[in-house]
PDB file of all heavy atoms in Angstrom:
ATOM      1  N   LEU A   1       5.701   1.777 -31.645  1.00  0.00           N
ATOM      2  CA  LEU A   1       4.253   1.788 -32.011  1.00  0.00           C
ATOM      3  C   LEU A   1       4.117   1.502 -33.484  1.00  0.00           C
ATOM      4  O   LEU A   1       4.751   2.089 -34.333  1.00  0.00           O
ATOM      5  CB  LEU A   1       3.722   3.195 -31.693  1.00  0.00           C
ATOM      6  CG  LEU A   1       2.255   3.425 -32.101  1.00  0.00           C
ATOM      7  CD1 LEU A   1       1.290   2.487 -31.331  1.00  0.00           C
ATOM      8  CD2 LEU A   1       1.903   4.874 -31.865  1.00  0.00           C
ATOM      9  N   VAL A   2       3.212   0.570 -33.735  1.00  0.00           N
ATOM     10  CA  VAL A   2       2.949   0.176 -35.182  1.00  0.00           C
ATOM     11  C   VAL A   2       1.499  -0.101 -35.358  1.00  0.00           C
ATOM     12  O   VAL A   2       0.812  -0.503 -34.423  1.00  0.00           O
ATOM     13  CB  VAL A   2       3.853  -1.083 -35.559  1.00  0.00           C
ATOM     14  CG1 VAL A   2       3.407  -2.274 -34.741  1.00  0.00           C
ATOM     15  CG2 VAL A   2       3.756  -1.330 -37.016  1.00  0.00           C
ATOM     16  N   GLN A   3       0.994   0.133 -36.530  1.00  0.00           N
ATOM     17  CA  GLN A   3      -0.374  -0.167 -36.866  1.00  0.00           C
ATOM     18  C   GLN A   3      -0.599  -1.650 -37.059  1.00  0.00           C
ATOM     19  O   GLN A   3       0.326  -2.359 -37.482  1.00  0.00           O
ATOM     20  CB  GLN A   3      -0.853   0.606 -38.117  1.00  0.00           C
ATOM     21  CG  GLN A   3      -0.922   2.115 -37.892  1.00  0.00           C
ATOM     22  CD  GLN A   3      -1.545   2.831 -39.096  1.00  0.00           C
ATOM     23  OE1 GLN A   3      -1.583   2.244 -40.197  1.00  0.00           O
ATOM     24  NE2 GLN A   3      -1.897   4.062 -38.951  1.00  0.00           N
ATOM     25  N   ALA A   4      -1.802  -2.103 -36.841  1.00  0.00           N
ATOM     26  CA  ALA A   4      -2.166  -3.464 -37.070  1.00  0.00           C
ATOM     27  C   ALA A   4      -1.786  -3.877 -38.550  1.00  0.00           C
ATOM     28  O   ALA A   4      -2.065  -3.078 -39.425  1.00  0.00           O
ATOM     29  CB  ALA A   4      -3.604  -3.749 -36.797  1.00  0.00           C
ATOM     30  N   GLY A   5      -1.131  -5.015 -38.688  1.00  0.00           N
ATOM     31  CA  GLY A   5      -0.748  -5.474 -40.050  1.00  0.00           C
ATOM     32  C   GLY A   5       0.690  -5.101 -40.331  1.00  0.00           C
ATOM     33  O   GLY A   5       1.243  -5.593 -41.322  1.00  0.00           O
ATOM     34  N   GLY A   6       1.272  -4.249 -39.534  1.00  0.00           N
ATOM     35  CA  GLY A   6       2.632  -3.780 -39.739  1.00  0.00           C
ATOM     36  C   GLY A   6       3.674  -4.767 -39.193  1.00  0.00           C
ATOM     37  O   GLY A   6       3.340  -5.820 -38.690  1.00  0.00           O
ATOM     38  N   SER A   7       4.930  -4.336 -39.269  1.00  0.00           N
ATOM     39  CA  SER A   7       6.039  -5.173 -38.837  1.00  0.00           C
ATOM     40  C   SER A   7       6.996  -4.433 -37.937  1.00  0.00           C
ATOM     41  O   SER A   7       7.117  -3.246 -38.046  1.00  0.00           O
ATOM     42  CB  SER A   7       6.799  -5.731 -40.055  1.00  0.00           C
ATOM     43  OG  SER A   7       5.967  -6.476 -40.895  1.00  0.00           O
ATOM     44  N   LEU A   8       7.708  -5.212 -37.077  1.00  0.00           N
ATOM     45  CA  LEU A   8       8.757  -4.652 -36.274  1.00  0.00           C
ATOM     46  C   LEU A   8       9.805  -5.780 -36.165  1.00  0.00           C
ATOM     47  O   LEU A   8       9.485  -6.947 -36.253  1.00  0.00           O
ATOM     48  CB  LEU A   8       8.305  -4.252 -34.853  1.00  0.00           C
ATOM     49  CG  LEU A   8       7.504  -3.010 -34.701  1.00  0.00           C
ATOM     50  CD1 LEU A   8       7.008  -2.928 -33.264  1.00  0.00           C
ATOM     51  CD2 LEU A   8       8.431  -1.773 -34.966  1.00  0.00           C
ATOM     52  N   ARG A   9      11.013  -5.311 -35.953  1.00  0.00           N
ATOM     53  CA  ARG A   9      12.074  -6.311 -35.671  1.00  0.00           C
ATOM     54  C   ARG A   9      12.760  -5.943 -34.360  1.00  0.00           C
ATOM     55  O   ARG A   9      13.302  -4.856 -34.228  1.00  0.00           O
ATOM     56  CB  ARG A   9      13.191  -6.347 -36.775  1.00  0.00           C
ATOM     57  CG  ARG A   9      14.204  -7.484 -36.551  1.00  0.00           C
ATOM     58  CD  ARG A   9      15.230  -7.597 -37.588  1.00  0.00           C
ATOM     59  NE  ARG A   9      16.201  -6.513 -37.530  1.00  0.00           N
ATOM     60  CZ  ARG A   9      17.397  -6.594 -38.070  1.00  0.00           C
ATOM     61  NH1 ARG A   9      17.795  -7.666 -38.760  1.00  0.00           N
ATOM     62  NH2 ARG A   9      18.252  -5.545 -37.958  1.00  0.00           N
ATOM     63  N   LEU A  10      12.674  -6.846 -33.418  1.00  0.00           N
ATOM     64  CA  LEU A  10      13.337  -6.667 -32.137  1.00  0.00           C
ATOM     65  C   LEU A  10      14.701  -7.250 -32.107  1.00  0.00           C
ATOM     66  O   LEU A  10      14.951  -8.260 -32.788  1.00  0.00           O
ATOM     67  CB  LEU A  10      12.495  -7.317 -30.985  1.00  0.00           C
ATOM     68  CG  LEU A  10      11.043  -6.912 -30.854  1.00  0.00           C
ATOM     69  CD1 LEU A  10      10.402  -7.606 -29.681  1.00  0.00           C
ATOM     70  CD2 LEU A  10      10.869  -5.447 -30.789  1.00  0.00           C
ATOM     71  N   SER A  11      15.655  -6.647 -31.397  1.00  0.00           N
ATOM     72  CA  SER A  11      17.003  -7.136 -31.230  1.00  0.00           C
ATOM     73  C   SER A  11      17.271  -7.345 -29.777  1.00  0.00           C
ATOM     74  O   SER A  11      16.826  -6.567 -28.954  1.00  0.00           O
ATOM     75  CB  SER A  11      17.996  -6.171 -31.879  1.00  0.00           C
ATOM     76  OG  SER A  11      17.732  -6.012 -33.271  1.00  0.00           O
ATOM     77  N   CYS A  12      18.108  -8.277 -29.501  1.00  0.00           N
ATOM     78  CA  CYS A  12      18.635  -8.563 -28.140  1.00  0.00           C
ATOM     79  C   CYS A  12      20.106  -8.750 -28.223  1.00  0.00           C
ATOM     80  O   CYS A  12      20.590  -9.726 -28.825  1.00  0.00           O
ATOM     81  CB  CYS A  12      17.920  -9.774 -27.597  1.00  0.00           C
ATOM     82  SG  CYS A  12      18.558 -10.247 -25.945  1.00  0.00           S
ATOM     83  N   ALA A  13      20.857  -7.774 -27.685  1.00  0.00           N
ATOM     84  CA  ALA A  13      22.290  -7.863 -27.678  1.00  0.00           C
ATOM     85  C   ALA A  13      22.798  -8.455 -26.363  1.00  0.00           C
ATOM     86  O   ALA A  13      22.372  -7.975 -25.269  1.00  0.00           O
ATOM     87  CB  ALA A  13      22.911  -6.483 -27.923  1.00  0.00           C
ATOM     88  N   ALA A  14      23.684  -9.403 -26.477  1.00  0.00           N
ATOM     89  CA  ALA A  14      24.234 -10.046 -25.275  1.00  0.00           C
ATOM     90  C   ALA A  14      25.682  -9.708 -25.052  1.00  0.00           C
ATOM     91  O   ALA A  14      26.446  -9.570 -26.024  1.00  0.00           O
ATOM     92  CB  ALA A  14      24.063 -11.588 -25.379  1.00  0.00           C
ATOM     93  N   SER A  15      26.084  -9.593 -23.777  1.00  0.00           N
ATOM     94  CA  SER A  15      27.469  -9.347 -23.452  1.00  0.00           C
ATOM     95  C   SER A  15      28.209 -10.614 -23.385  1.00  0.00           C
ATOM     96  O   SER A  15      27.662 -11.697 -23.340  1.00  0.00           O
ATOM     97  CB  SER A  15      27.536  -8.542 -22.154  1.00  0.00           C
ATOM     98  OG  SER A  15      27.058  -9.368 -21.092  1.00  0.00           O
ATOM     99  N   GLY A  16      29.516 -10.510 -23.325  1.00  0.00           N
ATOM    100  CA  GLY A  16      30.381 -11.689 -23.178  1.00  0.00           C
ATOM    101  C   GLY A  16      30.686 -12.375 -24.450  1.00  0.00           C
ATOM    102  O   GLY A  16      30.202 -12.106 -25.551  1.00  0.00           O
ATOM    103  N   ARG A  17      31.498 -13.449 -24.316  1.00  0.00           N
ATOM    104  CA  ARG A  17      31.944 -14.260 -25.447  1.00  0.00           C
ATOM    105  C   ARG A  17      31.380 -15.616 -25.420  1.00  0.00           C
ATOM    106  O   ARG A  17      31.781 -16.512 -26.202  1.00  0.00           O
ATOM    107  CB  ARG A  17      33.465 -14.328 -25.450  1.00  0.00           C
ATOM    108  CG  ARG A  17      34.166 -12.989 -25.534  1.00  0.00           C
ATOM    109  CD  ARG A  17      33.928 -12.323 -26.887  1.00  0.00           C
ATOM    110  NE  ARG A  17      34.444 -13.141 -27.986  1.00  0.00           N
ATOM    111  CZ  ARG A  17      34.290 -12.848 -29.244  1.00  0.00           C
ATOM    112  NH1 ARG A  17      33.582 -11.836 -29.601  1.00  0.00           N
ATOM    113  NH2 ARG A  17      34.849 -13.637 -30.163  1.00  0.00           N
ATOM    114  N   THR A  18      30.363 -15.899 -24.564  1.00  0.00           N
ATOM    115  CA  THR A  18      29.786 -17.221 -24.465  1.00  0.00           C
ATOM    116  C   THR A  18      28.337 -17.273 -25.013  1.00  0.00           C
ATOM    117  O   THR A  18      27.585 -18.197 -24.666  1.00  0.00           O
ATOM    118  CB  THR A  18      29.762 -17.693 -23.005  1.00  0.00           C
ATOM    119  OG1 THR A  18      29.031 -16.794 -22.216  1.00  0.00           O
ATOM    120  CG2 THR A  18      31.194 -17.795 -22.476  1.00  0.00           C
ATOM    121  N   PHE A  19      27.977 -16.324 -25.860  1.00  0.00           N
ATOM    122  CA  PHE A  19      26.601 -16.222 -26.392  1.00  0.00           C
ATOM    123  C   PHE A  19      26.200 -17.538 -27.070  1.00  0.00           C
ATOM    124  O   PHE A  19      25.076 -17.999 -26.944  1.00  0.00           O
ATOM    125  CB  PHE A  19      26.509 -15.077 -27.331  1.00  0.00           C
ATOM    126  CG  PHE A  19      25.197 -14.914 -28.032  1.00  0.00           C
ATOM    127  CD1 PHE A  19      24.053 -14.477 -27.314  1.00  0.00           C
ATOM    128  CD2 PHE A  19      25.055 -15.246 -29.356  1.00  0.00           C
ATOM    129  CE1 PHE A  19      22.853 -14.272 -27.904  1.00  0.00           C
ATOM    130  CE2 PHE A  19      23.837 -15.064 -30.000  1.00  0.00           C
ATOM    131  CZ  PHE A  19      22.683 -14.611 -29.224  1.00  0.00           C
ATOM    132  N   SER A  20      27.127 -18.142 -27.816  1.00  0.00           N
ATOM    133  CA  SER A  20      26.802 -19.337 -28.546  1.00  0.00           C
ATOM    134  C   SER A  20      26.531 -20.537 -27.702  1.00  0.00           C
ATOM    135  O   SER A  20      26.044 -21.535 -28.191  1.00  0.00           O
ATOM    136  CB  SER A  20      27.945 -19.695 -29.537  1.00  0.00           C
ATOM    137  OG  SER A  20      29.157 -19.936 -28.850  1.00  0.00           O
ATOM    138  N   MET A  21      26.742 -20.439 -26.443  1.00  0.00           N
ATOM    139  CA  MET A  21      26.492 -21.566 -25.479  1.00  0.00           C
ATOM    140  C   MET A  21      25.091 -21.505 -24.915  1.00  0.00           C
ATOM    141  O   MET A  21      24.727 -22.393 -24.092  1.00  0.00           O
ATOM    142  CB  MET A  21      27.504 -21.508 -24.346  1.00  0.00           C
ATOM    143  CG  MET A  21      28.967 -21.709 -24.794  1.00  0.00           C
ATOM    144  SD  MET A  21      29.256 -23.270 -25.639  1.00  0.00           S
ATOM    145  CE  MET A  21      28.942 -24.410 -24.350  1.00  0.00           C
ATOM    146  N   TYR A  22      24.294 -20.573 -25.318  1.00  0.00           N
ATOM    147  CA  TYR A  22      22.958 -20.385 -24.756  1.00  0.00           C
ATOM    148  C   TYR A  22      21.869 -20.460 -25.820  1.00  0.00           C
ATOM    149  O   TYR A  22      22.001 -19.885 -26.893  1.00  0.00           O
ATOM    150  CB  TYR A  22      22.827 -19.008 -24.076  1.00  0.00           C
ATOM    151  CG  TYR A  22      23.674 -18.867 -22.839  1.00  0.00           C
ATOM    152  CD1 TYR A  22      25.007 -18.430 -22.940  1.00  0.00           C
ATOM    153  CD2 TYR A  22      23.177 -19.133 -21.581  1.00  0.00           C
ATOM    154  CE1 TYR A  22      25.792 -18.297 -21.811  1.00  0.00           C
ATOM    155  CE2 TYR A  22      23.914 -19.015 -20.493  1.00  0.00           C
ATOM    156  CZ  TYR A  22      25.248 -18.605 -20.516  1.00  0.00           C
ATOM    157  OH  TYR A  22      26.014 -18.436 -19.414  1.00  0.00           O
ATOM    158  N   ALA A  23      20.831 -21.227 -25.463  1.00  0.00           N
ATOM    159  CA  ALA A  23      19.625 -21.051 -26.216  1.00  0.00           C
ATOM    160  C   ALA A  23      19.012 -19.699 -25.870  1.00  0.00           C
ATOM    161  O   ALA A  23      19.148 -19.210 -24.749  1.00  0.00           O
ATOM    162  CB  ALA A  23      18.603 -22.189 -25.865  1.00  0.00           C
ATOM    163  N   MET A  24      18.320 -19.092 -26.893  1.00  0.00           N
ATOM    164  CA  MET A  24      17.790 -17.767 -26.666  1.00  0.00           C
ATOM    165  C   MET A  24      16.258 -17.785 -26.890  1.00  0.00           C
ATOM    166  O   MET A  24      15.784 -18.573 -27.681  1.00  0.00           O
ATOM    167  CB  MET A  24      18.405 -16.726 -27.594  1.00  0.00           C
ATOM    168  CG  MET A  24      19.931 -16.672 -27.458  1.00  0.00           C
ATOM    169  SD  MET A  24      20.440 -15.968 -25.820  1.00  0.00           S
ATOM    170  CE  MET A  24      19.690 -14.293 -25.853  1.00  0.00           C
ATOM    171  N   GLY A  25      15.563 -16.929 -26.214  1.00  0.00           N
ATOM    172  CA  GLY A  25      14.153 -16.842 -26.405  1.00  0.00           C
ATOM    173  C   GLY A  25      13.554 -15.522 -26.209  1.00  0.00           C
ATOM    174  O   GLY A  25      14.168 -14.584 -25.614  1.00  0.00           O
ATOM    175  N   TRP A  26      12.283 -15.387 -26.634  1.00  0.00           N
ATOM    176  CA  TRP A  26      11.552 -14.152 -26.438  1.00  0.00           C
ATOM    177  C   TRP A  26      10.263 -14.520 -25.653  1.00  0.00           C
ATOM    178  O   TRP A  26       9.605 -15.492 -25.987  1.00  0.00           O
ATOM    179  CB  TRP A  26      11.179 -13.481 -27.747  1.00  0.00           C
ATOM    180  CG  TRP A  26      12.369 -12.816 -28.454  1.00  0.00           C
ATOM    181  CD1 TRP A  26      13.121 -13.425 -29.445  1.00  0.00           C
ATOM    182  CD2 TRP A  26      12.869 -11.517 -28.242  1.00  0.00           C
ATOM    183  NE1 TRP A  26      14.084 -12.540 -29.837  1.00  0.00           N
ATOM    184  CE2 TRP A  26      13.931 -11.339 -29.150  1.00  0.00           C
ATOM    185  CE3 TRP A  26      12.499 -10.479 -27.443  1.00  0.00           C
ATOM    186  CZ2 TRP A  26      14.679 -10.166 -29.237  1.00  0.00           C
ATOM    187  CZ3 TRP A  26      13.181  -9.308 -27.522  1.00  0.00           C
ATOM    188  CH2 TRP A  26      14.287  -9.193 -28.396  1.00  0.00           C
ATOM    189  N   PHE A  27       9.949 -13.589 -24.722  1.00  0.00           N
ATOM    190  CA  PHE A  27       8.705 -13.733 -23.944  1.00  0.00           C
ATOM    191  C   PHE A  27       8.035 -12.373 -24.003  1.00  0.00           C
ATOM    192  O   PHE A  27       8.631 -11.358 -24.314  1.00  0.00           O
ATOM    193  CB  PHE A  27       8.991 -14.089 -22.516  1.00  0.00           C
ATOM    194  CG  PHE A  27       9.528 -15.506 -22.331  1.00  0.00           C
ATOM    195  CD1 PHE A  27      10.851 -15.806 -22.636  1.00  0.00           C
ATOM    196  CD2 PHE A  27       8.685 -16.514 -21.861  1.00  0.00           C
ATOM    197  CE1 PHE A  27      11.350 -17.123 -22.526  1.00  0.00           C
ATOM    198  CE2 PHE A  27       9.215 -17.796 -21.724  1.00  0.00           C
ATOM    199  CZ  PHE A  27      10.539 -18.090 -22.034  1.00  0.00           C
ATOM    200  N   ARG A  28       6.729 -12.362 -23.666  1.00  0.00           N
ATOM    201  CA  ARG A  28       6.063 -11.068 -23.576  1.00  0.00           C
ATOM    202  C   ARG A  28       5.097 -11.077 -22.467  1.00  0.00           C
ATOM    203  O   ARG A  28       4.632 -12.103 -22.050  1.00  0.00           O
ATOM    204  CB  ARG A  28       5.301 -10.796 -24.924  1.00  0.00           C
ATOM    205  CG  ARG A  28       4.157 -11.740 -25.239  1.00  0.00           C
ATOM    206  CD  ARG A  28       3.656 -11.504 -26.628  1.00  0.00           C
ATOM    207  NE  ARG A  28       2.519 -12.369 -26.938  1.00  0.00           N
ATOM    208  CZ  ARG A  28       1.973 -12.410 -28.149  1.00  0.00           C
ATOM    209  NH1 ARG A  28       2.392 -11.701 -29.148  1.00  0.00           N
ATOM    210  NH2 ARG A  28       0.911 -13.272 -28.362  1.00  0.00           N
ATOM    211  N   GLN A  29       4.819  -9.864 -22.013  1.00  0.00           N
ATOM    212  CA  GLN A  29       3.875  -9.656 -20.850  1.00  0.00           C
ATOM    213  C   GLN A  29       3.005  -8.461 -21.135  1.00  0.00           C
ATOM    214  O   GLN A  29       3.546  -7.375 -21.208  1.00  0.00           O
ATOM    215  CB  GLN A  29       4.588  -9.587 -19.557  1.00  0.00           C
ATOM    216  CG  GLN A  29       3.648  -9.561 -18.369  1.00  0.00           C
ATOM    217  CD  GLN A  29       4.475  -9.655 -17.016  1.00  0.00           C
ATOM    218  OE1 GLN A  29       5.643  -9.379 -16.965  1.00  0.00           O
ATOM    219  NE2 GLN A  29       3.789 -10.178 -15.990  1.00  0.00           N
ATOM    220  N   ALA A  30       1.699  -8.696 -21.258  1.00  0.00           N
ATOM    221  CA  ALA A  30       0.777  -7.595 -21.425  1.00  0.00           C
ATOM    222  C   ALA A  30       0.283  -7.140 -20.041  1.00  0.00           C
ATOM    223  O   ALA A  30       0.334  -7.910 -19.104  1.00  0.00           O
ATOM    224  CB  ALA A  30      -0.431  -8.058 -22.267  1.00  0.00           C
ATOM    225  N   PRO A  31      -0.212  -5.932 -19.927  1.00  0.00           N
ATOM    226  CA  PRO A  31      -0.716  -5.418 -18.660  1.00  0.00           C
ATOM    227  C   PRO A  31      -1.777  -6.326 -18.056  1.00  0.00           C
ATOM    228  O   PRO A  31      -2.751  -6.726 -18.783  1.00  0.00           O
ATOM    229  CB  PRO A  31      -1.309  -4.053 -19.015  1.00  0.00           C
ATOM    230  CG  PRO A  31      -0.522  -3.598 -20.216  1.00  0.00           C
ATOM    231  CD  PRO A  31      -0.309  -4.870 -20.995  1.00  0.00           C
ATOM    232  N   GLY A  32      -1.587  -6.709 -16.832  1.00  0.00           N
ATOM    233  CA  GLY A  32      -2.491  -7.571 -16.114  1.00  0.00           C
ATOM    234  C   GLY A  32      -2.465  -9.022 -16.495  1.00  0.00           C
ATOM    235  O   GLY A  32      -3.226  -9.830 -16.000  1.00  0.00           O
ATOM    236  N   LYS A  33      -1.489  -9.383 -17.319  1.00  0.00           N
ATOM    237  CA  LYS A  33      -1.324 -10.787 -17.786  1.00  0.00           C
ATOM    238  C   LYS A  33      -0.055 -11.372 -17.338  1.00  0.00           C
ATOM    239  O   LYS A  33       0.912 -10.643 -17.015  1.00  0.00           O
ATOM    240  CB  LYS A  33      -1.482 -10.854 -19.307  1.00  0.00           C
ATOM    241  CG  LYS A  33      -2.705 -10.224 -19.898  1.00  0.00           C
ATOM    242  CD  LYS A  33      -3.942 -10.991 -19.528  1.00  0.00           C
ATOM    243  CE  LYS A  33      -5.176 -10.407 -20.194  1.00  0.00           C
ATOM    244  NZ  LYS A  33      -6.438 -11.098 -19.790  1.00  0.00           N
ATOM    245  N   GLU A  34       0.028 -12.700 -17.333  1.00  0.00           N
ATOM    246  CA  GLU A  34       1.268 -13.372 -16.985  1.00  0.00           C
ATOM    247  C   GLU A  34       2.203 -13.396 -18.206  1.00  0.00           C
ATOM    248  O   GLU A  34       1.776 -13.252 -19.360  1.00  0.00           O
ATOM    249  CB  GLU A  34       0.944 -14.833 -16.631  1.00  0.00           C
ATOM    250  CG  GLU A  34       0.149 -14.954 -15.358  1.00  0.00           C
ATOM    251  CD  GLU A  34      -0.096 -16.404 -14.930  1.00  0.00           C
ATOM    252  OE1 GLU A  34       0.229 -17.331 -15.739  1.00  0.00           O
ATOM    253  OE2 GLU A  34      -0.570 -16.672 -13.801  1.00  0.00           O
ATOM    254  N   ARG A  35       3.465 -13.464 -17.873  1.00  0.00           N
ATOM    255  CA  ARG A  35       4.427 -13.532 -18.950  1.00  0.00           C
ATOM    256  C   ARG A  35       4.278 -14.840 -19.735  1.00  0.00           C
ATOM    257  O   ARG A  35       4.081 -15.885 -19.131  1.00  0.00           O
ATOM    258  CB  ARG A  35       5.825 -13.452 -18.351  1.00  0.00           C
ATOM    259  CG  ARG A  35       6.987 -13.455 -19.364  1.00  0.00           C
ATOM    260  CD  ARG A  35       8.310 -13.269 -18.706  1.00  0.00           C
ATOM    261  NE  ARG A  35       8.417 -11.984 -18.046  1.00  0.00           N
ATOM    262  CZ  ARG A  35       9.499 -11.546 -17.393  1.00  0.00           C
ATOM    263  NH1 ARG A  35      10.554 -12.268 -17.380  1.00  0.00           N
ATOM    264  NH2 ARG A  35       9.506 -10.321 -16.841  1.00  0.00           N
ATOM    265  N   GLU A  36       4.330 -14.739 -21.086  1.00  0.00           N
ATOM    266  CA  GLU A  36       4.135 -15.911 -21.884  1.00  0.00           C
ATOM    267  C   GLU A  36       5.238 -16.095 -22.902  1.00  0.00           C
ATOM    268  O   GLU A  36       5.910 -15.172 -23.351  1.00  0.00           O
ATOM    269  CB  GLU A  36       2.813 -15.846 -22.649  1.00  0.00           C
ATOM    270  CG  GLU A  36       2.708 -14.720 -23.617  1.00  0.00           C
ATOM    271  CD  GLU A  36       1.429 -14.772 -24.476  1.00  0.00           C
ATOM    272  OE1 GLU A  36       0.725 -15.772 -24.452  1.00  0.00           O
ATOM    273  OE2 GLU A  36       1.091 -13.743 -25.109  1.00  0.00           O
ATOM    274  N   PHE A  37       5.466 -17.326 -23.226  1.00  0.00           N
ATOM    275  CA  PHE A  37       6.483 -17.682 -24.235  1.00  0.00           C
ATOM    276  C   PHE A  37       6.095 -17.265 -25.598  1.00  0.00           C
ATOM    277  O   PHE A  37       4.921 -17.384 -26.004  1.00  0.00           O
ATOM    278  CB  PHE A  37       6.708 -19.232 -24.202  1.00  0.00           C
ATOM    279  CG  PHE A  37       7.521 -19.782 -25.335  1.00  0.00           C
ATOM    280  CD1 PHE A  37       8.891 -19.631 -25.327  1.00  0.00           C
ATOM    281  CD2 PHE A  37       6.906 -20.406 -26.371  1.00  0.00           C
ATOM    282  CE1 PHE A  37       9.689 -20.151 -26.396  1.00  0.00           C
ATOM    283  CE2 PHE A  37       7.666 -20.878 -27.431  1.00  0.00           C
ATOM    284  CZ  PHE A  37       9.047 -20.729 -27.416  1.00  0.00           C
ATOM    285  N   VAL A  38       7.078 -16.749 -26.342  1.00  0.00           N
ATOM    286  CA  VAL A  38       6.854 -16.305 -27.706  1.00  0.00           C
ATOM    287  C   VAL A  38       7.601 -17.135 -28.711  1.00  0.00           C
ATOM    288  O   VAL A  38       7.041 -17.755 -29.727  1.00  0.00           O
ATOM    289  CB  VAL A  38       7.241 -14.839 -27.890  1.00  0.00           C
ATOM    290  CG1 VAL A  38       7.081 -14.425 -29.360  1.00  0.00           C
ATOM    291  CG2 VAL A  38       6.339 -13.967 -27.049  1.00  0.00           C
ATOM    292  N   ALA A  39       8.908 -17.283 -28.510  1.00  0.00           N
ATOM    293  CA  ALA A  39       9.755 -18.021 -29.437  1.00  0.00           C
ATOM    294  C   ALA A  39      11.084 -18.364 -28.853  1.00  0.00           C
ATOM    295  O   ALA A  39      11.507 -17.718 -27.876  1.00  0.00           O
ATOM    296  CB  ALA A  39      10.011 -17.182 -30.742  1.00  0.00           C
ATOM    297  N   ALA A  40      11.727 -19.389 -29.335  1.00  0.00           N
ATOM    298  CA  ALA A  40      13.059 -19.788 -28.833  1.00  0.00           C
ATOM    299  C   ALA A  40      13.863 -20.317 -29.988  1.00  0.00           C
ATOM    300  O   ALA A  40      13.331 -20.772 -31.003  1.00  0.00           O
ATOM    301  CB  ALA A  40      12.920 -20.875 -27.773  1.00  0.00           C
ATOM    302  N   ILE A  41      15.202 -20.278 -29.841  1.00  0.00           N
ATOM    303  CA  ILE A  41      16.103 -20.748 -30.855  1.00  0.00           C
ATOM    304  C   ILE A  41      17.281 -21.422 -30.183  1.00  0.00           C
ATOM    305  O   ILE A  41      17.757 -21.036 -29.076  1.00  0.00           O
ATOM    306  CB  ILE A  41      16.609 -19.529 -31.742  1.00  0.00           C
ATOM    307  CG1 ILE A  41      17.419 -20.068 -32.939  1.00  0.00           C
ATOM    308  CG2 ILE A  41      17.423 -18.569 -30.894  1.00  0.00           C
ATOM    309  CD1 ILE A  41      17.645 -18.981 -33.973  1.00  0.00           C
TER     310      ILE A  41
END
């Protein structure tokens, strides 16, 4: 929980030794809404 104007850092830890072989991305889904693309690397 954060106030408007604030910041957060999300982390995603992956298992295995093949992490570098995958593009990674973040998506989000709000209540009653479809999942949407946020960012990719």
